[in-house]
Amino acid sequence: MEAASLATLRELTAIVTAKGYGRDMLYRDREAHYVFLRYWKSEEARQAALEDPDMQRCWARLGNEIQIVRVYETLTEIPLDGPK
């Protein structure tokens, strides 16, 4: 189902971009595991996307196409430049 899931991820990304929710990135490791990241424009954009029927439809389909190992709703950035 790799081709179908990649098509669904492309559809999700197109919705996110078209509606200005943020931006998506997809990575694959050497064992062919995928890591999908979404950078939200704002907390309001994230909330709107959660309620968006187009987004909900894609996530429901994707849930039947792939095994989702873990979902992190939010992450905290750790600055690498540190105190000066």
C-alpha atoms as a PDB file:
ATOM      1  CA  MET A   1       0.000   0.000   0.000  1.00  0.00           C
ATOM      2  CA  GLU A   2       3.036   2.240  -0.277  1.00  0.00           C
ATOM      3  CA  ALA A   3       1.851   3.969  -3.466  1.00  0.00           C
ATOM      4  CA  ALA A   4      -1.628   4.572  -2.029  1.00  0.00           C
ATOM      5  CA  SER A   5      -0.279   5.934   1.253  1.00  0.00           C
ATOM      6  CA  LEU A   6       2.149   8.257  -0.538  1.00  0.00           C
ATOM      7  CA  ALA A   7      -0.738   9.542  -2.674  1.00  0.00           C
ATOM      8  CA  THR A   8      -2.764  10.203   0.492  1.00  0.00           C
ATOM      9  CA  LEU A   9       0.178  12.015   2.096  1.00  0.00           C
ATOM     10  CA  ARG A  10       0.515  14.152  -1.046  1.00  0.00           C
ATOM     11  CA  GLU A  11      -3.191  14.978  -0.815  1.00  0.00           C
ATOM     12  CA  LEU A  12      -2.816  15.931   2.866  1.00  0.00           C
ATOM     13  CA  THR A  13       0.155  18.122   2.043  1.00  0.00           C
ATOM     14  CA  ALA A  14      -1.752  19.825  -0.768  1.00  0.00           C
ATOM     15  CA  ILE A  15      -4.613  20.620   1.627  1.00  0.00           C
ATOM     16  CA  VAL A  16      -2.224  21.958   4.282  1.00  0.00           C
ATOM     17  CA  THR A  17      -0.492  24.160   1.719  1.00  0.00           C
ATOM     18  CA  ALA A  18      -3.648  25.374  -0.039  1.00  0.00           C
ATOM     19  CA  LYS A  19      -5.385  26.301   3.211  1.00  0.00           C
ATOM     20  CA  GLY A  20      -2.282  27.874   4.737  1.00  0.00           C
ATOM     21  CA  TYR A  21      -2.152  25.557   7.762  1.00  0.00           C
ATOM     22  CA  GLY A  22       1.605  25.051   7.598  1.00  0.00           C
ATOM     23  CA  ARG A  23       4.042  22.839   5.714  1.00  0.00           C
ATOM     24  CA  ASP A  24       4.826  19.132   5.599  1.00  0.00           C
ATOM     25  CA  MET A  25       8.014  17.141   5.186  1.00  0.00           C
ATOM     26  CA  LEU A  26       8.448  13.408   4.605  1.00  0.00           C
ATOM     27  CA  TYR A  27      11.616  11.447   5.341  1.00  0.00           C
ATOM     28  CA  ARG A  28      12.567   7.785   4.947  1.00  0.00           C
ATOM     29  CA  ASP A  29      15.283   5.939   6.833  1.00  0.00           C
ATOM     30  CA  ARG A  30      17.501   3.129   5.548  1.00  0.00           C
ATOM     31  CA  GLU A  31      15.005   0.456   6.641  1.00  0.00           C
ATOM     32  CA  ALA A  32      12.225   2.156   4.618  1.00  0.00           C
ATOM     33  CA  HIS A  33      10.429   3.610   7.661  1.00  0.00           C
ATOM     34  CA  TYR A  34       8.776   6.930   6.951  1.00  0.00           C
ATOM     35  CA  VAL A  35       8.769   9.956   9.257  1.00  0.00           C
ATOM     36  CA  PHE A  36       6.178  12.615   8.466  1.00  0.00           C
ATOM     37  CA  LEU A  37       6.584  16.071  10.014  1.00  0.00           C
ATOM     38  CA  ARG A  38       4.170  18.956   9.947  1.00  0.00           C
ATOM     39  CA  TYR A  39       5.131  22.501  10.898  1.00  0.00           C
ATOM     40  CA  TRP A  40       1.957  24.382  11.838  1.00  0.00           C
ATOM     41  CA  LYS A  41       1.634  28.056  10.947  1.00  0.00           C
ATOM     42  CA  SER A  42       0.020  28.660  14.352  1.00  0.00           C
ATOM     43  CA  GLU A  43      -1.984  26.946  17.063  1.00  0.00           C
ATOM     44  CA  GLU A  44      -5.125  28.374  15.429  1.00  0.00           C
ATOM     45  CA  ALA A  45      -4.143  26.778  12.110  1.00  0.00           C
ATOM     46  CA  ARG A  46      -3.601  23.432  13.849  1.00  0.00           C
ATOM     47  CA  GLN A  47      -7.038  23.621  15.461  1.00  0.00           C
ATOM     48  CA  ALA A  48      -8.707  24.556  12.168  1.00  0.00           C
ATOM     49  CA  ALA A  49      -6.989  21.626  10.437  1.00  0.00           C
ATOM     50  CA  LEU A  50      -8.171  19.211  13.131  1.00  0.00           C
ATOM     51  CA  GLU A  51     -11.749  20.260  12.373  1.00  0.00           C
ATOM     52  CA  ASP A  52     -11.332  20.321   8.581  1.00  0.00           C
ATOM     53  CA  PRO A  53     -13.432  17.559   6.935  1.00  0.00           C
ATOM     54  CA  ASP A  54     -10.953  17.231   4.033  1.00  0.00           C
ATOM     55  CA  MET A  55      -8.133  16.597   6.501  1.00  0.00           C
ATOM     56  CA  GLN A  56     -10.232  14.174   8.551  1.00  0.00           C
ATOM     57  CA  ARG A  57     -11.122  12.193   5.427  1.00  0.00           C
ATOM     58  CA  CYS A  58      -7.457  11.850   4.426  1.00  0.00           C
ATOM     59  CA  TRP A  59      -6.332  10.821   7.929  1.00  0.00           C
ATOM     60  CA  ALA A  60      -9.083   8.198   8.089  1.00  0.00           C
ATOM     61  CA  ARG A  61      -7.955   6.759   4.749  1.00  0.00           C
ATOM     62  CA  LEU A  62      -4.299   6.885   5.753  1.00  0.00           C
ATOM     63  CA  GLY A  63      -5.092   4.949   8.929  1.00  0.00           C
ATOM     64  CA  ASN A  64      -6.153   2.041   6.700  1.00  0.00           C
ATOM     65  CA  GLU A  65      -3.087   2.326   4.460  1.00  0.00           C
ATOM     66  CA  ILE A  66      -0.207   2.461   6.942  1.00  0.00           C
ATOM     67  CA  GLN A  67       0.766   1.452  10.434  1.00  0.00           C
ATOM     68  CA  ILE A  68       1.118   4.607  12.507  1.00  0.00           C
ATOM     69  CA  VAL A  69       3.699   3.901  15.191  1.00  0.00           C
ATOM     70  CA  ARG A  70       3.532   7.139  17.126  1.00  0.00           C
ATOM     71  CA  VAL A  71       1.956  10.581  16.864  1.00  0.00           C
ATOM     72  CA  TYR A  72       3.444  13.559  18.655  1.00  0.00           C
ATOM     73  CA  GLU A  73       0.953  16.402  18.766  1.00  0.00           C
ATOM     74  CA  THR A  74       3.536  18.970  19.831  1.00  0.00           C
ATOM     75  CA  LEU A  75       7.286  19.101  20.271  1.00  0.00           C
ATOM     76  CA  THR A  76       9.357  21.721  22.021  1.00  0.00           C
ATOM     77  CA  GLU A  77      12.273  23.180  20.104  1.00  0.00           C
ATOM     78  CA  ILE A  78      15.613  23.118  21.891  1.00  0.00           C
ATOM     79  CA  PRO A  79      17.825  26.003  20.704  1.00  0.00           C
ATOM     80  CA  LEU A  80      21.276  24.789  19.754  1.00  0.00           C
ATOM     81  CA  ASP A  81      22.998  28.152  19.981  1.00  0.00           C
ATOM     82  CA  GLY A  82      22.731  28.110  23.805  1.00  0.00           C
ATOM     83  CA  PRO A  83      23.534  30.932  26.189  1.00  0.00           C
ATOM     84  CA  LYS A  84      26.358  33.238  25.212  1.00  0.00           C
END
